[in-house]
C-alpha atoms as a PDB file:
ATOM      1  CA  MET A   1       0.004  -0.030  -0.010  1.00  0.00           C
ATOM      2  CA  GLY A   2       1.520   3.132  -1.171  1.00  0.00           C
ATOM      3  CA  GLY A   3       0.483   6.792  -1.426  1.00  0.00           C
ATOM      4  CA  SER A   4       0.124   9.269   1.359  1.00  0.00           C
ATOM      5  CA  VAL A   5      -1.926   9.592   4.551  1.00  0.00           C
ATOM      6  CA  VAL A   6      -4.521  12.343   3.740  1.00  0.00           C
ATOM      7  CA  VAL A   7      -6.299  14.175   6.568  1.00  0.00           C
ATOM      8  CA  GLY A   8      -9.270  16.373   5.867  1.00  0.00           C
ATOM      9  CA  LEU A   9      -9.555  19.478   7.914  1.00  0.00           C
ATOM     10  CA  ASP A  10     -12.701  21.146   8.389  1.00  0.00           C
ATOM     11  CA  GLY A  11     -11.800  23.884  10.853  1.00  0.00           C
ATOM     12  CA  SER A  12     -14.438  22.807  13.388  1.00  0.00           C
ATOM     13  CA  GLY A  13     -11.880  21.332  15.930  1.00  0.00           C
ATOM     14  CA  HIS A  14     -13.080  17.818  15.180  1.00  0.00           C
ATOM     15  CA  SER A  15     -10.075  17.419  12.998  1.00  0.00           C
ATOM     16  CA  ASP A  16      -7.467  17.495  15.721  1.00  0.00           C
ATOM     17  CA  PRO A  17      -7.673  13.830  16.691  1.00  0.00           C
ATOM     18  CA  ALA A  18      -7.543  12.838  13.056  1.00  0.00           C
ATOM     19  CA  VAL A  19      -4.319  14.949  12.606  1.00  0.00           C
ATOM     20  CA  ARG A  20      -2.653  13.300  15.569  1.00  0.00           C
ATOM     21  CA  TRP A  21      -3.771   9.742  14.292  1.00  0.00           C
ATOM     22  CA  GLY A  22      -2.860  10.443  10.742  1.00  0.00           C
ATOM     23  CA  ALA A  23       0.632  11.791  11.772  1.00  0.00           C
ATOM     24  CA  ALA A  24       1.289   8.720  13.859  1.00  0.00           C
ATOM     25  CA  GLU A  25       0.325   6.495  10.936  1.00  0.00           C
ATOM     26  CA  ALA A  26       2.563   8.290   8.549  1.00  0.00           C
ATOM     27  CA  ALA A  27       5.479   8.156  10.911  1.00  0.00           C
ATOM     28  CA  ALA A  28       4.982   4.403  11.429  1.00  0.00           C
ATOM     29  CA  ARG A  29       4.803   3.650   7.910  1.00  0.00           C
ATOM     30  CA  GLY A  30       7.389   6.142   6.358  1.00  0.00           C
ATOM     31  CA  LEU A  31       4.530   7.976   4.362  1.00  0.00           C
ATOM     32  CA  THR A  32       3.854  11.549   3.697  1.00  0.00           C
ATOM     33  CA  LEU A  33       1.256  13.173   5.612  1.00  0.00           C
ATOM     34  CA  HIS A  34      -0.989  15.399   3.403  1.00  0.00           C
ATOM     35  CA  LEU A  35      -3.157  17.911   5.148  1.00  0.00           C
ATOM     36  CA  LEU A  36      -6.121  19.063   2.908  1.00  0.00           C
ATOM     37  CA  HIS A  37      -8.522  21.952   3.589  1.00  0.00           C
ATOM     38  CA  ALA A  38     -11.459  22.665   1.290  1.00  0.00           C
ATOM     39  CA  GLY A  39     -12.599  26.234   1.038  1.00  0.00           C
ATOM     40  CA  ASN A  40     -16.240  25.282   0.721  1.00  0.00           C
ATOM     41  CA  PRO A  41     -18.050  24.937   2.958  1.00  0.00           C
ATOM     42  CA  GLN A  42     -16.661  27.053   5.774  1.00  0.00           C
ATOM     43  CA  PRO A  43     -17.799  26.492   9.278  1.00  0.00           C
ATOM     44  CA  SER A  44     -20.623  28.697  10.514  1.00  0.00           C
ATOM     45  CA  THR A  45     -18.383  30.326  13.118  1.00  0.00           C
ATOM     46  CA  VAL A  46     -16.454  32.174  10.272  1.00  0.00           C
ATOM     47  CA  ARG A  47     -18.507  35.370   9.648  1.00  0.00           C
ATOM     48  CA  VAL A  48     -16.440  36.377   6.726  1.00  0.00           C
ATOM     49  CA  ALA A  49     -16.863  33.082   4.913  1.00  0.00           C
ATOM     50  CA  HIS A  50     -18.019  34.823   1.750  1.00  0.00           C
ATOM     51  CA  ASP A  51     -14.856  36.863   1.471  1.00  0.00           C
ATOM     52  CA  SER A  52     -12.572  35.045  -0.750  1.00  0.00           C
ATOM     53  CA  ALA A  53      -9.240  36.521   0.635  1.00  0.00           C
ATOM     54  CA  ALA A  54     -10.519  35.814   4.280  1.00  0.00           C
ATOM     55  CA  ARG A  55     -11.299  32.327   3.355  1.00  0.00           C
ATOM     56  CA  LYS A  56      -7.733  31.673   1.955  1.00  0.00           C
ATOM     57  CA  ARG A  57      -6.313  33.350   5.073  1.00  0.00           C
ATOM     58  CA  TYR A  58      -8.366  31.277   7.417  1.00  0.00           C
ATOM     59  CA  GLY A  59      -7.446  28.017   5.461  1.00  0.00           C
ATOM     60  CA  ALA A  60      -3.700  28.842   5.388  1.00  0.00           C
ATOM     61  CA  GLU A  61      -3.779  29.414   9.209  1.00  0.00           C
ATOM     62  CA  LEU A  62      -5.644  26.263   9.911  1.00  0.00           C
ATOM     63  CA  LEU A  63      -3.250  24.119   7.764  1.00  0.00           C
ATOM     64  CA  ALA A  64      -0.112  25.830   9.367  1.00  0.00           C
ATOM     65  CA  SER A  65      -1.367  25.156  12.925  1.00  0.00           C
ATOM     66  CA  ALA A  66      -2.112  21.488  11.964  1.00  0.00           C
ATOM     67  CA  GLU A  67       1.331  21.154  10.304  1.00  0.00           C
ATOM     68  CA  ALA A  68       3.003  22.482  13.347  1.00  0.00           C
ATOM     69  CA  ALA A  69       1.127  20.125  15.638  1.00  0.00           C
ATOM     70  CA  ALA A  70       2.053  17.108  13.312  1.00  0.00           C
ATOM     71  CA  HIS A  71       5.673  18.021  13.689  1.00  0.00           C
ATOM     72  CA  ALA A  72       5.631  18.391  17.152  1.00  0.00           C
ATOM     73  CA  TRP A  73       4.160  14.886  17.684  1.00  0.00           C
ATOM     74  CA  HIS A  74       6.413  13.275  15.033  1.00  0.00           C
ATOM     75  CA  PRO A  75       9.422  15.654  14.192  1.00  0.00           C
ATOM     76  CA  GLY A  76      10.681  13.385  11.431  1.00  0.00           C
ATOM     77  CA  ILE A  77       7.606  13.189   9.141  1.00  0.00           C
ATOM     78  CA  ILE A  78       7.120  15.039   5.809  1.00  0.00           C
ATOM     79  CA  VAL A  79       4.012  17.081   5.836  1.00  0.00           C
ATOM     80  CA  THR A  80       2.515  18.571   2.857  1.00  0.00           C
ATOM     81  CA  THR A  81      -0.644  21.033   2.764  1.00  0.00           C
ATOM     82  CA  GLU A  82      -3.202  21.837   0.287  1.00  0.00           C
ATOM     83  CA  GLN A  83      -6.027  24.251   0.190  1.00  0.00           C
ATOM     84  CA  VAL A  84      -8.606  23.737  -2.582  1.00  0.00           C
ATOM     85  CA  PRO A  85     -11.661  25.695  -3.593  1.00  0.00           C
ATOM     86  CA  GLU A  86     -14.033  22.712  -4.448  1.00  0.00           C
ATOM     87  CA  GLU A  87     -16.370  20.990  -2.295  1.00  0.00           C
ATOM     88  CA  ALA A  88     -14.825  18.970   0.643  1.00  0.00           C
ATOM     89  CA  VAL A  89     -16.340  15.635  -0.558  1.00  0.00           C
ATOM     90  CA  GLU A  90     -15.243  15.884  -4.145  1.00  0.00           C
ATOM     91  CA  ALA A  91     -11.565  16.886  -3.114  1.00  0.00           C
ATOM     92  CA  LEU A  92     -11.231  14.049  -0.681  1.00  0.00           C
ATOM     93  CA  VAL A  93     -12.714  11.487  -3.004  1.00  0.00           C
ATOM     94  CA  ASP A  94     -10.471  12.606  -5.754  1.00  0.00           C
ATOM     95  CA  ARG A  95      -7.274  12.427  -3.533  1.00  0.00           C
ATOM     96  CA  SER A  96      -8.534   8.921  -2.495  1.00  0.00           C
ATOM     97  CA  GLY A  97      -7.497   7.624  -5.687  1.00  0.00           C
ATOM     98  CA  GLN A  98      -3.878   7.781  -4.895  1.00  0.00           C
ATOM     99  CA  ALA A  99      -3.752   7.862  -0.981  1.00  0.00           C
ATOM    100  CA  ALA A 100      -2.881   5.066   1.260  1.00  0.00           C
ATOM    101  CA  MET A 101      -5.773   6.152   3.446  1.00  0.00           C
ATOM    102  CA  VAL A 102      -7.929   9.202   4.177  1.00  0.00           C
ATOM    103  CA  VAL A 103      -8.412  10.120   7.933  1.00  0.00           C
ATOM    104  CA  LEU A 104     -11.315  12.203   9.088  1.00  0.00           C
ATOM    105  CA  GLY A 105     -12.389  13.460  12.374  1.00  0.00           C
ATOM    106  CA  SER A 106     -15.930  13.199  13.820  1.00  0.00           C
ATOM    107  CA  ARG A 107     -17.856  14.521  16.807  1.00  0.00           C
ATOM    108  CA  GLY A 108     -18.501  12.618  19.952  1.00  0.00           C
ATOM    109  CA  HIS A 109     -21.284  10.201  20.553  1.00  0.00           C
ATOM    110  CA  GLU A 110     -23.717  12.838  21.475  1.00  0.00           C
ATOM    111  CA  ALA A 111     -23.621  14.375  18.090  1.00  0.00           C
ATOM    112  CA  ILE A 112     -22.895  11.378  15.871  1.00  0.00           C
ATOM    113  CA  ASP A 113     -26.354  11.132  14.372  1.00  0.00           C
ATOM    114  CA  GLY A 114     -25.591  14.213  12.183  1.00  0.00           C
ATOM    115  CA  PHE A 115     -22.307  12.827  11.163  1.00  0.00           C
ATOM    116  CA  LEU A 116     -24.003   9.730   9.945  1.00  0.00           C
ATOM    117  CA  LEU A 117     -26.776  11.105   8.228  1.00  0.00           C
ATOM    118  CA  GLY A 118     -25.416  13.773   5.757  1.00  0.00           C
ATOM    119  CA  SER A 119     -22.086  15.047   6.551  1.00  0.00           C
ATOM    120  CA  VAL A 120     -18.847  15.142   4.450  1.00  0.00           C
ATOM    121  CA  SER A 121     -17.799  12.108   6.239  1.00  0.00           C
ATOM    122  CA  LEU A 122     -20.559   9.816   5.371  1.00  0.00           C
ATOM    123  CA  HIS A 123     -20.177  10.634   1.633  1.00  0.00           C
ATOM    124  CA  VAL A 124     -16.483  10.226   1.733  1.00  0.00           C
ATOM    125  CA  LEU A 125     -16.813   6.929   3.489  1.00  0.00           C
ATOM    126  CA  GLY A 126     -19.200   5.743   0.781  1.00  0.00           C
ATOM    127  CA  ARG A 127     -17.259   6.829  -2.273  1.00  0.00           C
ATOM    128  CA  ALA A 128     -13.418   6.746  -1.485  1.00  0.00           C
ATOM    129  CA  GLU A 129     -11.142   4.439  -3.349  1.00  0.00           C
ATOM    130  CA  CYS A 130      -8.970   3.723  -0.468  1.00  0.00           C
ATOM    131  CA  PRO A 131      -9.518   2.987   3.255  1.00  0.00           C
ATOM    132  CA  VAL A 132     -11.142   5.870   5.292  1.00  0.00           C
ATOM    133  CA  VAL A 133     -10.294   6.112   8.968  1.00  0.00           C
ATOM    134  CA  THR A 134     -12.701   8.025  11.346  1.00  0.00           C
ATOM    135  CA  VAL A 135     -11.309   9.230  14.602  1.00  0.00           C
ATOM    136  CA  ARG A 136     -13.785  10.503  17.143  1.00  0.00           C
ATOM    137  CA  GLU A 137     -13.210  13.233  19.683  1.00  0.00           C
ATOM    138  CA  GLY A 138     -12.371  11.720  23.094  1.00  0.00           C
ATOM    139  CA  GLN A 139     -10.859   8.564  21.822  1.00  0.00           C
ATOM    140  CA  PRO A 140      -7.282   7.944  23.175  1.00  0.00           C
ATOM    141  CA  ALA A 141      -4.181   8.980  21.303  1.00  0.00           C
ATOM    142  CA  PRO A 142      -2.532   6.388  19.213  1.00  0.00           C
ATOM    143  CA  ARG A 143      -0.835   3.921  21.584  1.00  0.00           C
ATOM    144  CA  PRO A 144       2.297   1.860  20.968  1.00  0.00           C
ATOM    145  CA  ARG A 145       2.089  -1.731  19.714  1.00  0.00           C
ATOM    146  CA  PRO A 146      -1.771  -1.491  19.309  1.00  0.00           C
ATOM    147  CA  GLU A 147      -4.076  -4.466  18.628  1.00  0.00           C
ATOM    148  CA  VAL A 148      -5.815  -4.170  15.352  1.00  0.00           C
ATOM    149  CA  VAL A 149      -9.207  -5.833  15.363  1.00  0.00           C
ATOM    150  CA  VAL A 150     -10.423  -6.936  11.757  1.00  0.00           C
ATOM    151  CA  GLY A 151     -13.920  -8.250  11.042  1.00  0.00           C
ATOM    152  CA  VAL A 152     -13.555 -11.211   8.511  1.00  0.00           C
ATOM    153  CA  GLN A 153     -16.836 -11.555   6.685  1.00  0.00           C
ATOM    154  CA  ASP A 154     -15.630 -12.644   3.352  1.00  0.00           C
ATOM    155  CA  VAL A 155     -12.971 -15.529   3.308  1.00  0.00           C
ATOM    156  CA  GLY A 156     -12.070 -15.352  -0.502  1.00  0.00           C
ATOM    157  CA  PRO A 157     -10.556 -12.636  -2.583  1.00  0.00           C
ATOM    158  CA  GLN A 158     -13.296 -10.121  -1.608  1.00  0.00           C
ATOM    159  CA  GLY A 159     -11.827 -10.045   1.891  1.00  0.00           C
ATOM    160  CA  GLU A 160      -8.275  -9.421   0.955  1.00  0.00           C
ATOM    161  CA  ALA A 161      -8.315  -5.759   0.941  1.00  0.00           C
ATOM    162  CA  VAL A 162      -9.616  -5.768   4.488  1.00  0.00           C
ATOM    163  CA  LEU A 163      -6.871  -8.105   5.758  1.00  0.00           C
ATOM    164  CA  ASP A 164      -4.190  -6.187   3.882  1.00  0.00           C
ATOM    165  CA  VAL A 165      -5.095  -3.056   5.708  1.00  0.00           C
ATOM    166  CA  ALA A 166      -5.187  -4.835   9.227  1.00  0.00           C
ATOM    167  CA  PHE A 167      -1.908  -6.509   8.688  1.00  0.00           C
ATOM    168  CA  THR A 168      -0.147  -3.625   7.181  1.00  0.00           C
ATOM    169  CA  VAL A 169      -1.134  -1.247  10.095  1.00  0.00           C
ATOM    170  CA  ALA A 170      -0.243  -3.858  12.732  1.00  0.00           C
ATOM    171  CA  ALA A 171       3.108  -4.517  11.295  1.00  0.00           C
ATOM    172  CA  ALA A 172       3.914  -0.999  11.068  1.00  0.00           C
ATOM    173  CA  HIS A 173       3.245  -0.309  14.608  1.00  0.00           C
ATOM    174  CA  ARG A 174       4.674  -3.754  15.714  1.00  0.00           C
ATOM    175  CA  GLY A 175       1.075  -4.431  17.039  1.00  0.00           C
ATOM    176  CA  SER A 176      -1.088  -7.436  16.796  1.00  0.00           C
ATOM    177  CA  VAL A 177      -4.152  -8.693  14.929  1.00  0.00           C
ATOM    178  CA  ARG A 178      -7.343  -9.944  16.323  1.00  0.00           C
ATOM    179  CA  ALA A 179      -9.372 -11.602  13.478  1.00  0.00           C
ATOM    180  CA  VAL A 180     -12.948 -11.742  14.301  1.00  0.00           C
ATOM    181  CA  ARG A 181     -15.595 -13.829  12.527  1.00  0.00           C
ATOM    182  CA  ALA A 182     -19.313 -13.944  13.632  1.00  0.00           C
ATOM    183  CA  TRP A 183     -21.855 -16.476  12.647  1.00  0.00           C
ATOM    184  CA  GLU A 184     -25.528 -16.862  13.235  1.00  0.00           C
ATOM    185  CA  PRO A 185     -27.270 -20.240  13.629  1.00  0.00           C
ATOM    186  CA  GLY A 186     -29.169 -21.305  10.592  1.00  0.00           C
ATOM    187  CA  VAL A 187     -28.609 -22.379   7.074  1.00  0.00           C
ATOM    188  CA  ALA A 188     -25.528 -20.996   5.370  1.00  0.00           C
ATOM    189  CA  VAL A 189     -25.074 -21.054   1.588  1.00  0.00           C
ATOM    190  CA  ASP A 190     -21.689 -22.637   1.965  1.00  0.00           C
ATOM    191  CA  ALA A 191     -22.416 -24.875   4.912  1.00  0.00           C
ATOM    192  CA  VAL A 192     -25.322 -26.945   3.740  1.00  0.00           C
ATOM    193  CA  SER A 193     -24.712 -30.796   3.701  1.00  0.00           C
ATOM    194  CA  ALA A 194     -25.387 -32.933   0.671  1.00  0.00           C
ATOM    195  CA  SER A 195     -28.791 -33.867   2.237  1.00  0.00           C
ATOM    196  CA  GLY A 196     -29.779 -30.213   2.072  1.00  0.00           C
ATOM    197  CA  LEU A 197     -29.941 -29.841   5.827  1.00  0.00           C
ATOM    198  CA  ALA A 198     -27.993 -27.244   7.874  1.00  0.00           C
ATOM    199  CA  PRO A 199     -25.286 -28.680   9.779  1.00  0.00           C
ATOM    200  CA  GLU A 200     -25.348 -29.003  13.540  1.00  0.00           C
ATOM    201  CA  ALA A 201     -24.167 -25.894  15.517  1.00  0.00           C
ATOM    202  CA  GLY A 202     -20.968 -27.817  16.468  1.00  0.00           C
ATOM    203  CA  GLU A 203     -20.292 -28.743  12.845  1.00  0.00           C
ATOM    204  CA  ARG A 204     -21.058 -25.196  11.894  1.00  0.00           C
ATOM    205  CA  GLU A 205     -18.558 -23.714  14.389  1.00  0.00           C
ATOM    206  CA  VAL A 206     -15.880 -26.152  13.201  1.00  0.00           C
ATOM    207  CA  ALA A 207     -16.453 -25.045   9.510  1.00  0.00           C
ATOM    208  CA  GLU A 208     -16.329 -21.234  10.602  1.00  0.00           C
ATOM    209  CA  ARG A 209     -13.074 -21.817  12.475  1.00  0.00           C
ATOM    210  CA  LYS A 210     -11.538 -23.479   9.437  1.00  0.00           C
ATOM    211  CA  ALA A 211     -12.807 -20.866   7.089  1.00  0.00           C
ATOM    212  CA  LEU A 212     -11.204 -18.197   9.285  1.00  0.00           C
ATOM    213  CA  ALA A 213      -7.823 -20.057   9.584  1.00  0.00           C
ATOM    214  CA  ASP A 214      -7.692 -20.599   5.808  1.00  0.00           C
ATOM    215  CA  ALA A 215      -8.338 -16.916   5.201  1.00  0.00           C
ATOM    216  CA  LEU A 216      -5.565 -15.943   7.593  1.00  0.00           C
ATOM    217  CA  GLY A 217      -2.974 -18.492   6.359  1.00  0.00           C
ATOM    218  CA  PRO A 218      -1.285 -16.347   3.506  1.00  0.00           C
ATOM    219  CA  TRP A 219      -1.309 -13.252   5.743  1.00  0.00           C
ATOM    220  CA  ARG A 220       0.446 -15.211   8.571  1.00  0.00           C
ATOM    221  CA  ALA A 221       3.050 -16.348   6.071  1.00  0.00           C
ATOM    222  CA  ARG A 222       3.337 -12.800   4.740  1.00  0.00           C
ATOM    223  CA  PHE A 223       3.647 -11.019   8.096  1.00  0.00           C
ATOM    224  CA  PRO A 224       5.348 -13.645  10.282  1.00  0.00           C
ATOM    225  CA  ASP A 225       6.207 -11.184  13.042  1.00  0.00           C
ATOM    226  CA  VAL A 226       2.507 -10.100  13.650  1.00  0.00           C
ATOM    227  CA  GLU A 227       0.948 -11.859  16.437  1.00  0.00           C
ATOM    228  CA  VAL A 228      -2.572 -13.123  15.316  1.00  0.00           C
ATOM    229  CA  THR A 229      -5.551 -14.087  17.536  1.00  0.00           C
ATOM    230  CA  GLU A 230      -8.385 -15.887  15.903  1.00  0.00           C
ATOM    231  CA  GLU A 231     -11.935 -15.337  17.421  1.00  0.00           C
ATOM    232  CA  VAL A 232     -15.074 -17.092  16.077  1.00  0.00           C
ATOM    233  CA  ALA A 233     -18.183 -16.331  17.870  1.00  0.00           C
ATOM    234  CA  CYS A 234     -21.886 -17.207  17.470  1.00  0.00           C
ATOM    235  CA  GLY A 235     -23.876 -14.172  17.372  1.00  0.00           C
ATOM    236  CA  LYS A 236     -24.698 -11.071  15.388  1.00  0.00           C
ATOM    237  CA  ALA A 237     -21.726  -9.352  13.766  1.00  0.00           C
ATOM    238  CA  VAL A 238     -22.181  -5.811  15.469  1.00  0.00           C
ATOM    239  CA  PRO A 239     -22.138  -6.987  19.195  1.00  0.00           C
ATOM    240  CA  VAL A 240     -19.398  -9.376  18.341  1.00  0.00           C
ATOM    241  CA  LEU A 241     -17.149  -6.639  16.744  1.00  0.00           C
ATOM    242  CA  LEU A 242     -17.858  -4.060  19.371  1.00  0.00           C
ATOM    243  CA  GLY A 243     -17.005  -6.485  22.097  1.00  0.00           C
ATOM    244  CA  ALA A 244     -13.695  -7.440  20.481  1.00  0.00           C
ATOM    245  CA  CYS A 245     -12.541  -3.818  19.855  1.00  0.00           C
ATOM    246  CA  SER A 246     -13.403  -2.346  23.303  1.00  0.00           C
ATOM    247  CA  ARG A 247      -9.550  -1.948  23.935  1.00  0.00           C
ATOM    248  CA  ALA A 248      -8.291  -1.965  20.338  1.00  0.00           C
ATOM    249  CA  GLY A 249      -6.279   0.673  18.617  1.00  0.00           C
ATOM    250  CA  LEU A 250      -8.056   0.198  15.351  1.00  0.00           C
ATOM    251  CA  LEU A 251     -11.111  -1.543  14.083  1.00  0.00           C
ATOM    252  CA  VAL A 252     -11.030  -2.694  10.424  1.00  0.00           C
ATOM    253  CA  ILE A 253     -14.064  -3.516   8.383  1.00  0.00           C
ATOM    254  CA  GLY A 254     -15.218  -3.813   4.754  1.00  0.00           C
ATOM    255  CA  ARG A 255     -17.906  -2.135   2.701  1.00  0.00           C
ATOM    256  CA  ARG A 256     -19.260  -3.300  -0.539  1.00  0.00           C
ATOM    257  CA  VAL A 257     -18.612  -1.086  -3.464  1.00  0.00           C
ATOM    258  CA  GLY A 258     -21.642  -0.194  -5.763  1.00  0.00           C
ATOM    259  CA  ARG A 259     -23.988   0.897  -2.990  1.00  0.00           C
ATOM    260  CA  SER A 260     -25.549   4.253  -2.931  1.00  0.00           C
ATOM    261  CA  PRO A 261     -22.903   6.745  -1.539  1.00  0.00           C
ATOM    262  CA  THR A 262     -25.003   7.328   1.479  1.00  0.00           C
ATOM    263  CA  ARG A 263     -25.680   3.595   2.169  1.00  0.00           C
ATOM    264  CA  LEU A 264     -22.804   1.997   4.067  1.00  0.00           C
ATOM    265  CA  GLY A 265     -24.680  -1.015   5.356  1.00  0.00           C
ATOM    266  CA  PRO A 266     -26.071  -1.663   8.920  1.00  0.00           C
ATOM    267  CA  VAL A 267     -22.865  -3.135  10.215  1.00  0.00           C
ATOM    268  CA  VAL A 268     -20.728  -0.238   9.212  1.00  0.00           C
ATOM    269  CA  LEU A 269     -23.267   2.311  10.417  1.00  0.00           C
ATOM    270  CA  ALA A 270     -23.532   0.519  13.799  1.00  0.00           C
ATOM    271  CA  VAL A 271     -19.774   0.345  14.501  1.00  0.00           C
ATOM    272  CA  LEU A 272     -19.364   3.996  13.532  1.00  0.00           C
ATOM    273  CA  HIS A 273     -22.116   4.757  16.076  1.00  0.00           C
ATOM    274  CA  HIS A 274     -20.954   2.860  18.812  1.00  0.00           C
ATOM    275  CA  GLY A 275     -17.083   1.876  18.445  1.00  0.00           C
ATOM    276  CA  ARG A 276     -14.727   3.096  21.053  1.00  0.00           C
ATOM    277  CA  CYS A 277     -11.768   3.242  18.822  1.00  0.00           C
ATOM    278  CA  PRO A 278     -10.984   4.614  15.378  1.00  0.00           C
ATOM    279  CA  VAL A 279     -12.619   2.772  12.562  1.00  0.00           C
ATOM    280  CA  ALA A 280     -11.155   1.923   9.176  1.00  0.00           C
ATOM    281  CA  VAL A 281     -13.691   1.169   6.445  1.00  0.00           C
ATOM    282  CA  VAL A 282     -12.115  -0.513   3.522  1.00  0.00           C
ATOM    283  CA  PRO A 283     -13.823  -0.623   0.060  1.00  0.00           C
ATOM    284  CA  ARG A 284     -13.990  -4.376  -1.204  1.00  0.00           C
ATOM    285  CA  THR A 285     -15.575  -5.807  -4.315  1.00  0.00           C
END
C-alpha cells in the first residue's frame, strides 16, 4: 500500500484527533502526511466566509497550525498541505485515488447522528477508493503496539483488501491482529450438507473456524512477526465486533462497493455509532 496519509481539515476542531492519528500512521509507515482543507463549505463560526481573501487566510492558518502540531508529535515526518476551492467531498474522494488512506475527524457520541446522516464524512466513506479512518473526539491518542481488530466476513478474494489494511497497520506499529468472525445459527449457503440440511451447531462452528484459519493463512506467512488471535463467535456481527474492539487501537471492516454513496450497510453504520476506537472502512468488491 503506497501513497500518502490524507487528513481532511474542516476547521471545526473535530479534525485535531484525526491529524494526530494520521501523523502517527505516516510516521510508522514512512509515508507523507498530506493535510487538505477545502474552502467550501466554511464552518458557520467564520463570519467572513463569503470573503475569498479571508477564506484563503483562514485556511492557510488552519493548515499551518495542523502542520506544526504534526511536527511536534512526530518531528521526522514529511508534511504537505493543500487548500482547494472545491467541495470537501469531491476533493477528498479525488485524492483517495492515490492515497494510502484518508483520515477524518468526527464528533462525539452525543452528536454522531448528524455525522452519519448527511455530512462530508458519510459521503467520503461511501465513495472513497482507499480505506477511510474516522477518529472521534475523546478517543485515546495512538498507543504503541496496538491491537488491530479486523472483521473477517468474506474469506475469499473479496476479503483480501480488509486483511491487507489490518496486517499492514499492525506490522507498521509492531502491534497484533485480532481476526473476528461472527456467525448466526441457521442455514448458510456454503455450509449445507449434501442432504440439504443445515449442519449441527458444533459442525458449523468447526467449519467457521476452518474458514477463518484458511483466510488468515497467507497473511500469517506474509507477516510472520505479527501476532494473530483468531476469534469465532456465535452471534450477530455488530455486538461481536464491538466486544472485540473495546480496547483496540483500530477496528478494520469492509464495505461493498456499488452501493448508494450514502448507504454503508447496517454493520458499518453501527460500529461508527458505537465503536470506542478509530474505525477503518475499506472498500471491497
